[in-house]
Amino acid sequence: MSDLYDPRIEQALQSFISDHPGMHTRNQAIAAILINWFTSHGYLPHDQEGTRPENLDASNDD
């Protein structure tokens, strides 16, 4: 266990790793969690192509 995190967070990280078969390390788990959080809160773009909702207007209707 790491001294950096509360034991509950360490336990949650281990559960997360167990639930995701391709994930092998704490660093991978932390990166995946941060990417998910940043994406869902608008700090990272989604991996989708297209026009962002705030850039839509009548000129780009198909």
PDB file of N, CA and C in Angstrom:
ATOM      1  N   MET A   1       0.827  -1.174   0.000  1.00  0.00           N
ATOM      2  CA  MET A   1       0.000   0.000   0.000  1.00  0.00           C
ATOM      3  C   MET A   1       0.880   1.249   0.000  1.00  0.00           C
ATOM      4  N   SER A   2       0.383   2.296  -0.607  1.00  0.00           N
ATOM      5  CA  SER A   2       1.151   3.525  -0.703  1.00  0.00           C
ATOM      6  C   SER A   2       0.793   4.479   0.432  1.00  0.00           C
ATOM      7  N   ASP A   3       1.766   5.233   0.871  1.00  0.00           N
ATOM      8  CA  ASP A   3       1.516   6.249   1.891  1.00  0.00           C
ATOM      9  C   ASP A   3       0.869   7.497   1.295  1.00  0.00           C
ATOM     10  N   LEU A   4       0.776   7.558  -0.028  1.00  0.00           N
ATOM     11  CA  LEU A   4       0.240   8.745  -0.677  1.00  0.00           C
ATOM     12  C   LEU A   4      -1.276   8.843  -0.595  1.00  0.00           C
ATOM     13  N   TYR A   5      -1.952   7.722  -0.519  1.00  0.00           N
ATOM     14  CA  TYR A   5      -3.403   7.730  -0.596  1.00  0.00           C
ATOM     15  C   TYR A   5      -4.034   7.108   0.636  1.00  0.00           C
ATOM     16  N   ASP A   6      -5.221   7.570   0.925  1.00  0.00           N
ATOM     17  CA  ASP A   6      -6.055   6.996   1.973  1.00  0.00           C
ATOM     18  C   ASP A   6      -6.246   5.506   1.671  1.00  0.00           C
ATOM     19  N   PRO A   7      -6.264   4.653   2.668  1.00  0.00           N
ATOM     20  CA  PRO A   7      -6.438   3.209   2.435  1.00  0.00           C
ATOM     21  C   PRO A   7      -7.699   2.871   1.631  1.00  0.00           C
ATOM     22  N   ARG A   8      -8.745   3.673   1.767  1.00  0.00           N
ATOM     23  CA  ARG A   8      -9.973   3.424   0.985  1.00  0.00           C
ATOM     24  C   ARG A   8      -9.720   3.621  -0.504  1.00  0.00           C
ATOM     25  N   ILE A   9      -8.896   4.605  -0.838  1.00  0.00           N
ATOM     26  CA  ILE A   9      -8.572   4.847  -2.249  1.00  0.00           C
ATOM     27  C   ILE A   9      -7.715   3.712  -2.785  1.00  0.00           C
ATOM     28  N   GLU A  10      -6.761   3.267  -1.988  1.00  0.00           N
ATOM     29  CA  GLU A  10      -5.928   2.139  -2.408  1.00  0.00           C
ATOM     30  C   GLU A  10      -6.787   0.901  -2.660  1.00  0.00           C
ATOM     31  N   GLN A  11      -7.742   0.651  -1.781  1.00  0.00           N
ATOM     32  CA  GLN A  11      -8.633  -0.499  -1.950  1.00  0.00           C
ATOM     33  C   GLN A  11      -9.483  -0.336  -3.207  1.00  0.00           C
ATOM     34  N   ALA A  12      -9.970   0.878  -3.440  1.00  0.00           N
ATOM     35  CA  ALA A  12     -10.764   1.135  -4.643  1.00  0.00           C
ATOM     36  C   ALA A  12      -9.929   0.943  -5.906  1.00  0.00           C
ATOM     37  N   LEU A  13      -8.668   1.390  -5.866  1.00  0.00           N
ATOM     38  CA  LEU A  13      -7.780   1.190  -7.018  1.00  0.00           C
ATOM     39  C   LEU A  13      -7.566  -0.288  -7.299  1.00  0.00           C
ATOM     40  N   GLN A  14      -7.346  -1.072  -6.259  1.00  0.00           N
ATOM     41  CA  GLN A  14      -7.160  -2.514  -6.443  1.00  0.00           C
ATOM     42  C   GLN A  14      -8.425  -3.160  -7.006  1.00  0.00           C
ATOM     43  N   SER A  15      -9.588  -2.724  -6.550  1.00  0.00           N
ATOM     44  CA  SER A  15     -10.856  -3.248  -7.087  1.00  0.00           C
ATOM     45  C   SER A  15     -11.012  -2.865  -8.553  1.00  0.00           C
ATOM     46  N   PHE A  16     -10.663  -1.624  -8.876  1.00  0.00           N
ATOM     47  CA  PHE A  16     -10.737  -1.150 -10.255  1.00  0.00           C
ATOM     48  C   PHE A  16      -9.843  -1.995 -11.155  1.00  0.00           C
ATOM     49  N   ILE A  17      -8.616  -2.243 -10.714  1.00  0.00           N
ATOM     50  CA  ILE A  17      -7.678  -3.058 -11.486  1.00  0.00           C
ATOM     51  C   ILE A  17      -8.230  -4.472 -11.672  1.00  0.00           C
ATOM     52  N   SER A  18      -8.796  -5.037 -10.633  1.00  0.00           N
ATOM     53  CA  SER A  18      -9.374  -6.390 -10.714  1.00  0.00           C
ATOM     54  C   SER A  18     -10.537  -6.457 -11.689  1.00  0.00           C
ATOM     55  N   ASP A  19     -11.310  -5.375 -11.775  1.00  0.00           N
ATOM     56  CA  ASP A  19     -12.478  -5.337 -12.655  1.00  0.00           C
ATOM     57  C   ASP A  19     -12.135  -5.047 -14.110  1.00  0.00           C
ATOM     58  N   HIS A  20     -10.905  -4.672 -14.388  1.00  0.00           N
ATOM     59  CA  HIS A  20     -10.476  -4.340 -15.749  1.00  0.00           C
ATOM     60  C   HIS A  20      -9.305  -5.247 -16.126  1.00  0.00           C
ATOM     61  N   PRO A  21      -9.579  -6.350 -16.813  1.00  0.00           N
ATOM     62  CA  PRO A  21      -8.571  -7.377 -17.093  1.00  0.00           C
ATOM     63  C   PRO A  21      -7.287  -6.885 -17.767  1.00  0.00           C
ATOM     64  N   GLY A  22      -7.353  -5.879 -18.622  1.00  0.00           N
ATOM     65  CA  GLY A  22      -6.150  -5.410 -19.310  1.00  0.00           C
ATOM     66  C   GLY A  22      -5.294  -4.483 -18.466  1.00  0.00           C
ATOM     67  N   MET A  23      -5.794  -4.119 -17.317  1.00  0.00           N
ATOM     68  CA  MET A  23      -5.099  -3.177 -16.449  1.00  0.00           C
ATOM     69  C   MET A  23      -4.214  -3.959 -15.474  1.00  0.00           C
ATOM     70  N   HIS A  24      -2.942  -3.579 -15.409  1.00  0.00           N
ATOM     71  CA  HIS A  24      -2.006  -4.345 -14.582  1.00  0.00           C
ATOM     72  C   HIS A  24      -1.357  -3.550 -13.457  1.00  0.00           C
ATOM     73  N   THR A  25      -1.344  -2.219 -13.569  1.00  0.00           N
ATOM     74  CA  THR A  25      -0.621  -1.429 -12.578  1.00  0.00           C
ATOM     75  C   THR A  25      -1.487  -0.313 -12.007  1.00  0.00           C
ATOM     76  N   ARG A  26      -1.064   0.197 -10.863  1.00  0.00           N
ATOM     77  CA  ARG A  26      -1.731   1.347 -10.244  1.00  0.00           C
ATOM     78  C   ARG A  26      -1.682   2.544 -11.188  1.00  0.00           C
ATOM     79  N   ASN A  27      -0.519   2.758 -11.827  1.00  0.00           N
ATOM     80  CA  ASN A  27      -0.387   3.904 -12.724  1.00  0.00           C
ATOM     81  C   ASN A  27      -1.365   3.825 -13.885  1.00  0.00           C
ATOM     82  N   GLN A  28      -1.560   2.636 -14.453  1.00  0.00           N
ATOM     83  CA  GLN A  28      -2.542   2.470 -15.531  1.00  0.00           C
ATOM     84  C   GLN A  28      -3.940   2.783 -15.015  1.00  0.00           C
ATOM     85  N   ALA A  29      -4.264   2.303 -13.830  1.00  0.00           N
ATOM     86  CA  ALA A  29      -5.590   2.540 -13.253  1.00  0.00           C
ATOM     87  C   ALA A  29      -5.810   4.021 -12.997  1.00  0.00           C
ATOM     88  N   ILE A  30      -4.825   4.674 -12.402  1.00  0.00           N
ATOM     89  CA  ILE A  30      -4.956   6.104 -12.109  1.00  0.00           C
ATOM     90  C   ILE A  30      -5.104   6.897 -13.398  1.00  0.00           C
ATOM     91  N   ALA A  31      -4.312   6.571 -14.431  1.00  0.00           N
ATOM     92  CA  ALA A  31      -4.414   7.266 -15.714  1.00  0.00           C
ATOM     93  C   ALA A  31      -5.798   7.070 -16.327  1.00  0.00           C
ATOM     94  N   ALA A  32      -6.326   5.842 -16.306  1.00  0.00           N
ATOM     95  CA  ALA A  32      -7.652   5.568 -16.871  1.00  0.00           C
ATOM     96  C   ALA A  32      -8.731   6.337 -16.129  1.00  0.00           C
ATOM     97  N   ILE A  33      -8.637   6.371 -14.820  1.00  0.00           N
ATOM     98  CA  ILE A  33      -9.628   7.091 -14.004  1.00  0.00           C
ATOM     99  C   ILE A  33      -9.557   8.590 -14.294  1.00  0.00           C
ATOM    100  N   LEU A  34      -8.349   9.139 -14.372  1.00  0.00           N
ATOM    101  CA  LEU A  34      -8.212  10.568 -14.651  1.00  0.00           C
ATOM    102  C   LEU A  34      -8.695  10.929 -16.051  1.00  0.00           C
ATOM    103  N   ILE A  35      -8.366  10.103 -17.034  1.00  0.00           N
ATOM    104  CA  ILE A  35      -8.843  10.359 -18.400  1.00  0.00           C
ATOM    105  C   ILE A  35     -10.366  10.357 -18.426  1.00  0.00           C
ATOM    106  N   ASN A  36     -10.980   9.373 -17.765  1.00  0.00           N
ATOM    107  CA  ASN A  36     -12.435   9.304 -17.723  1.00  0.00           C
ATOM    108  C   ASN A  36     -13.017  10.545 -17.056  1.00  0.00           C
ATOM    109  N   TRP A  37     -12.462  10.951 -15.924  1.00  0.00           N
ATOM    110  CA  TRP A  37     -12.983  12.104 -15.192  1.00  0.00           C
ATOM    111  C   TRP A  37     -12.800  13.381 -16.002  1.00  0.00           C
ATOM    112  N   PHE A  38     -11.578  13.594 -16.540  1.00  0.00           N
ATOM    113  CA  PHE A  38     -11.318  14.802 -17.311  1.00  0.00           C
ATOM    114  C   PHE A  38     -12.202  14.876 -18.549  1.00  0.00           C
ATOM    115  N   THR A  39     -12.427  13.758 -19.213  1.00  0.00           N
ATOM    116  CA  THR A  39     -13.280  13.729 -20.397  1.00  0.00           C
ATOM    117  C   THR A  39     -14.725  14.023 -20.024  1.00  0.00           C
ATOM    118  N   SER A  40     -15.218  13.369 -18.978  1.00  0.00           N
ATOM    119  CA  SER A  40     -16.627  13.555 -18.606  1.00  0.00           C
ATOM    120  C   SER A  40     -16.910  14.940 -18.040  1.00  0.00           C
ATOM    121  N   HIS A  41     -15.882  15.657 -17.604  1.00  0.00           N
ATOM    122  CA  HIS A  41     -16.069  17.005 -17.069  1.00  0.00           C
ATOM    123  C   HIS A  41     -15.620  18.101 -18.036  1.00  0.00           C
ATOM    124  N   GLY A  42     -15.303  17.709 -19.277  1.00  0.00           N
ATOM    125  CA  GLY A  42     -15.010  18.682 -20.315  1.00  0.00           C
ATOM    126  C   GLY A  42     -13.579  19.193 -20.372  1.00  0.00           C
ATOM    127  N   TYR A  43     -12.672  18.599 -19.617  1.00  0.00           N
ATOM    128  CA  TYR A  43     -11.284  19.046 -19.649  1.00  0.00           C
ATOM    129  C   TYR A  43     -10.479  18.367 -20.756  1.00  0.00           C
ATOM    130  N   LEU A  44     -10.952  17.231 -21.241  1.00  0.00           N
ATOM    131  CA  LEU A  44     -10.357  16.538 -22.379  1.00  0.00           C
ATOM    132  C   LEU A  44     -11.462  16.297 -23.400  1.00  0.00           C
ATOM    133  N   PRO A  45     -11.131  16.391 -24.689  1.00  0.00           N
ATOM    134  CA  PRO A  45     -12.149  16.108 -25.696  1.00  0.00           C
ATOM    135  C   PRO A  45     -12.460  14.617 -25.759  1.00  0.00           C
ATOM    136  N   HIS A  46     -13.689  14.304 -26.146  1.00  0.00           N
ATOM    137  CA  HIS A  46     -14.060  12.905 -26.381  1.00  0.00           C
ATOM    138  C   HIS A  46     -13.345  12.442 -27.644  1.00  0.00           C
ATOM    139  N   ASP A  47     -13.102  11.151 -27.764  1.00  0.00           N
ATOM    140  CA  ASP A  47     -12.423  10.604 -28.944  1.00  0.00           C
ATOM    141  C   ASP A  47     -13.392  10.428 -30.099  1.00  0.00           C
ATOM    142  N   GLN A  48     -14.186  11.439 -30.353  1.00  0.00           N
ATOM    143  CA  GLN A  48     -15.156  11.383 -31.438  1.00  0.00           C
ATOM    144  C   GLN A  48     -14.830  12.470 -32.454  1.00  0.00           C
ATOM    145  N   GLU A  49     -15.089  12.155 -33.707  1.00  0.00           N
ATOM    146  CA  GLU A  49     -14.919  13.145 -34.763  1.00  0.00           C
ATOM    147  C   GLU A  49     -16.210  13.934 -34.868  1.00  0.00           C
ATOM    148  N   GLY A  50     -16.115  15.124 -35.406  1.00  0.00           N
ATOM    149  CA  GLY A  50     -17.317  15.903 -35.629  1.00  0.00           C
ATOM    150  C   GLY A  50     -17.198  17.291 -35.040  1.00  0.00           C
ATOM    151  N   THR A  51     -18.295  18.023 -35.142  1.00  0.00           N
ATOM    152  CA  THR A  51     -18.345  19.392 -34.660  1.00  0.00           C
ATOM    153  C   THR A  51     -18.811  19.405 -33.214  1.00  0.00           C
ATOM    154  N   ARG A  52     -18.115  20.151 -32.388  1.00  0.00           N
ATOM    155  CA  ARG A  52     -18.506  20.257 -30.984  1.00  0.00           C
ATOM    156  C   ARG A  52     -19.852  20.974 -30.896  1.00  0.00           C
ATOM    157  N   PRO A  53     -20.684  20.612 -29.942  1.00  0.00           N
ATOM    158  CA  PRO A  53     -22.019  21.207 -29.824  1.00  0.00           C
ATOM    159  C   PRO A  53     -22.016  22.732 -29.797  1.00  0.00           C
ATOM    160  N   GLU A  54     -21.035  23.334 -29.134  1.00  0.00           N
ATOM    161  CA  GLU A  54     -21.008  24.797 -29.059  1.00  0.00           C
ATOM    162  C   GLU A  54     -20.671  25.447 -30.396  1.00  0.00           C
ATOM    163  N   ASN A  55     -20.185  24.640 -31.361  1.00  0.00           N
ATOM    164  CA  ASN A  55     -19.856  25.174 -32.682  1.00  0.00           C
ATOM    165  C   ASN A  55     -20.932  24.895 -33.726  1.00  0.00           C
ATOM    166  N   LEU A  56     -22.017  24.259 -33.327  1.00  0.00           N
ATOM    167  CA  LEU A  56     -23.091  23.953 -34.261  1.00  0.00           C
ATOM    168  C   LEU A  56     -23.966  25.188 -34.500  1.00  0.00           C
ATOM    169  N   ASP A  57     -24.339  25.374 -35.749  1.00  0.00           N
ATOM    170  CA  ASP A  57     -25.330  26.397 -36.118  1.00  0.00           C
ATOM    171  C   ASP A  57     -25.939  25.976 -37.444  1.00  0.00           C
ATOM    172  N   ALA A  58     -26.807  26.778 -37.984  1.00  0.00           N
ATOM    173  CA  ALA A  58     -27.511  26.422 -39.223  1.00  0.00           C
ATOM    174  C   ALA A  58     -26.562  26.237 -40.393  1.00  0.00           C
ATOM    175  N   SER A  59     -25.391  26.868 -40.376  1.00  0.00           N
ATOM    176  CA  SER A  59     -24.472  26.769 -41.514  1.00  0.00           C
ATOM    177  C   SER A  59     -23.848  25.387 -41.652  1.00  0.00           C
ATOM    178  N   ASN A  60     -23.833  24.577 -40.590  1.00  0.00           N
ATOM    179  CA  ASN A  60     -23.239  23.243 -40.727  1.00  0.00           C
ATOM    180  C   ASN A  60     -24.288  22.127 -40.643  1.00  0.00           C
ATOM    181  N   ASP A  61     -25.558  22.471 -40.933  1.00  0.00           N
ATOM    182  CA  ASP A  61     -26.595  21.433 -41.058  1.00  0.00           C
ATOM    183  C   ASP A  61     -26.397  20.696 -42.378  1.00  0.00           C
ATOM    184  N   ASP A  62     -26.557  19.392 -42.353  1.00  0.00           N
ATOM    185  CA  ASP A  62     -26.425  18.600 -43.589  1.00  0.00           C
ATOM    186  C   ASP A  62     -27.780  18.315 -44.172  1.00  0.00           C
TER     187      ASP A  62
END
